[in-house]
Amino acid sequence: MCDEISHSLEQYGVSLASAVADRLARGDALLYGHRDYCGMGLQFADGQYLYGEVIDGSIPSEQELSKWYCKPLDSWERLTFHSRSEFVEWLAAQSNYTLSGTGTENHANQRITKQRLESFARNEKVPWS
């Protein structure tokens, strides 16, 4: 769906980004859990914050990706943040538009949105869109 709300340029801000980082650090992940491609997700693993493509309900590790033959490692949409502050700074500057996947084969397909982030930060059921 390509409407004004889903492609808003409004940045998420530090408050929302911090709340998301806190929940991720507690061990929760923001991702869809079904078979095959599951859109984009966020999680905290091995002391790092991850933003990346979700496959079969999880964000594959770099080791897992290096063993897969279906897609070269450098073509995965993925970012790794080594500190909470680095992650919060990045997420705070994002918007529905910047995370919509414009220019990718999965544009607007199961992406991170402000609505999903707000629900996740409040520990509510995260909507599908």
Protein backbone atom coordinates (compact mmCIF):
# COMPACT_ATOMS: atom_id res chain seq x y z
CA MET A 1 0.00 0.00 0.00
CA CYS A 2 1.60 3.26 -1.11
CA ASP A 3 -0.29 6.01 0.66
CA GLU A 4 0.74 9.18 2.47
CA ILE A 5 0.83 7.56 5.91
CA SER A 6 2.89 4.53 4.88
CA HIS A 7 5.39 6.79 3.13
CA SER A 8 5.54 9.56 5.71
CA LEU A 9 8.85 11.42 5.98
CA GLU A 10 8.28 12.13 9.70
CA GLN A 11 11.27 10.81 11.64
CA TYR A 12 10.51 8.35 14.44
CA GLY A 13 12.44 10.30 17.07
CA VAL A 14 14.64 9.43 20.02
CA SER A 15 11.84 8.61 22.46
CA LEU A 16 10.33 5.88 20.26
CA ALA A 17 13.74 4.58 19.20
CA SER A 18 14.84 4.32 22.85
CA ALA A 19 11.68 2.45 23.84
CA VAL A 20 12.20 0.00 20.96
CA ALA A 21 15.88 -0.49 21.91
CA ASP A 22 14.87 -1.23 25.51
CA ARG A 23 12.38 -3.88 24.47
CA LEU A 24 14.83 -5.46 22.03
CA ALA A 25 17.48 -5.59 24.78
CA ARG A 26 15.00 -7.51 26.97
CA GLY A 27 15.05 -10.29 24.38
CA ASP A 28 11.96 -9.52 22.32
CA ALA A 29 12.22 -9.19 18.55
CA LEU A 30 10.09 -7.25 16.09
CA LEU A 31 9.54 -9.63 13.21
CA TYR A 32 6.97 -11.71 11.42
CA GLY A 33 7.17 -15.43 12.05
CA HIS A 34 6.06 -17.49 9.10
CA ARG A 35 7.72 -19.55 6.38
CA ASP A 36 10.09 -18.06 3.78
CA TYR A 37 10.52 -14.28 3.39
CA CYS A 38 9.01 -12.47 6.38
CA GLY A 39 9.86 -8.85 5.60
CA MET A 40 12.19 -6.73 7.69
CA GLY A 41 12.77 -7.08 11.41
CA LEU A 42 14.65 -5.82 14.42
CA GLN A 43 16.33 -7.86 17.14
CA PHE A 44 19.13 -7.79 19.67
CA ALA A 45 21.50 -10.75 19.45
CA ASP A 46 25.07 -11.39 20.59
CA GLY A 47 25.35 -7.85 22.01
CA GLN A 48 24.33 -6.20 18.73
CA TYR A 49 21.18 -4.58 17.41
CA LEU A 50 20.15 -5.92 14.01
CA TYR A 51 17.91 -4.58 11.28
CA GLY A 52 17.53 -7.09 8.51
CA GLU A 53 15.59 -9.42 6.30
CA VAL A 54 13.65 -12.06 8.20
CA ILE A 55 13.58 -15.60 6.82
CA ASP A 56 11.44 -18.31 8.40
CA GLY A 57 10.78 -16.14 11.46
CA SER A 58 14.30 -14.98 12.31
CA ILE A 59 17.08 -12.71 11.12
CA PRO A 60 19.81 -15.08 9.92
CA SER A 61 23.28 -14.65 11.38
CA GLU A 62 26.16 -13.71 9.07
CA GLN A 63 27.47 -17.28 9.47
CA GLU A 64 24.13 -18.69 8.30
CA LEU A 65 24.01 -16.27 5.39
CA SER A 66 27.53 -17.17 4.26
CA LYS A 67 26.45 -20.83 3.91
CA TRP A 68 23.35 -20.09 1.83
CA TYR A 69 23.65 -20.25 -1.91
CA CYS A 70 20.36 -18.59 -2.87
CA LYS A 71 21.56 -15.00 -2.51
CA PRO A 72 25.04 -13.45 -2.16
CA LEU A 73 25.87 -12.17 1.34
CA ASP A 74 26.32 -8.58 0.18
CA SER A 75 22.84 -8.44 -1.37
CA TRP A 76 20.95 -8.93 1.90
CA GLU A 77 19.28 -5.83 3.31
CA ARG A 78 20.94 -5.75 6.72
CA LEU A 79 22.49 -3.35 9.24
CA THR A 80 24.36 -4.20 12.43
CA PHE A 81 24.77 -1.74 15.31
CA HIS A 82 27.43 -2.41 17.93
CA SER A 83 25.99 -0.11 20.59
CA ARG A 84 22.59 0.98 21.86
CA SER A 85 23.37 4.63 21.15
CA GLU A 86 24.35 3.87 17.54
CA PHE A 87 21.08 1.95 17.03
CA VAL A 88 18.91 4.60 18.70
CA GLU A 89 20.52 7.37 16.64
CA TRP A 90 19.87 5.43 13.43
CA LEU A 91 16.27 4.41 14.24
CA ALA A 92 15.36 7.90 15.49
CA ALA A 93 16.34 9.35 12.10
CA GLN A 94 14.25 6.81 10.13
CA SER A 95 10.72 7.27 8.79
CA ASN A 96 8.10 5.11 7.12
CA TYR A 97 9.49 6.30 3.81
CA THR A 98 13.13 5.46 4.55
CA LEU A 99 12.20 1.97 5.76
CA SER A 100 9.62 1.27 3.02
CA GLY A 101 12.18 -0.46 0.83
CA THR A 102 11.87 1.98 -2.05
CA GLY A 103 14.09 0.70 -4.83
CA THR A 104 14.16 -2.89 -3.58
CA GLU A 105 12.34 -5.96 -4.83
CA ASN A 106 10.37 -6.06 -1.55
CA HIS A 107 9.13 -2.46 -1.55
CA ALA A 108 6.36 -2.00 1.07
CA ASN A 109 6.30 -5.77 1.76
CA GLN A 110 6.18 -6.51 5.50
CA ARG A 111 8.32 -3.49 6.40
CA ILE A 112 8.96 -1.66 9.68
CA THR A 113 6.47 1.20 10.20
CA LYS A 114 5.86 3.74 12.95
CA GLN A 115 2.59 2.00 13.82
CA ARG A 116 4.39 -1.33 14.30
CA LEU A 117 7.18 0.31 16.32
CA GLU A 118 4.73 2.10 18.62
CA SER A 119 2.78 -1.11 19.29
CA PHE A 120 6.01 -3.02 19.92
CA ALA A 121 7.31 -0.33 22.30
CA ARG A 122 4.02 -0.45 24.27
CA ASN A 123 4.18 -4.27 24.44
CA GLU A 124 0.96 -4.54 22.42
CA LYS A 125 0.09 -6.88 19.57
CA VAL A 126 2.00 -5.62 16.55
CA PRO A 127 -0.19 -4.97 13.48
CA TRP A 128 0.56 -6.63 10.13
CA SER A 129 0.73 -3.36 8.22
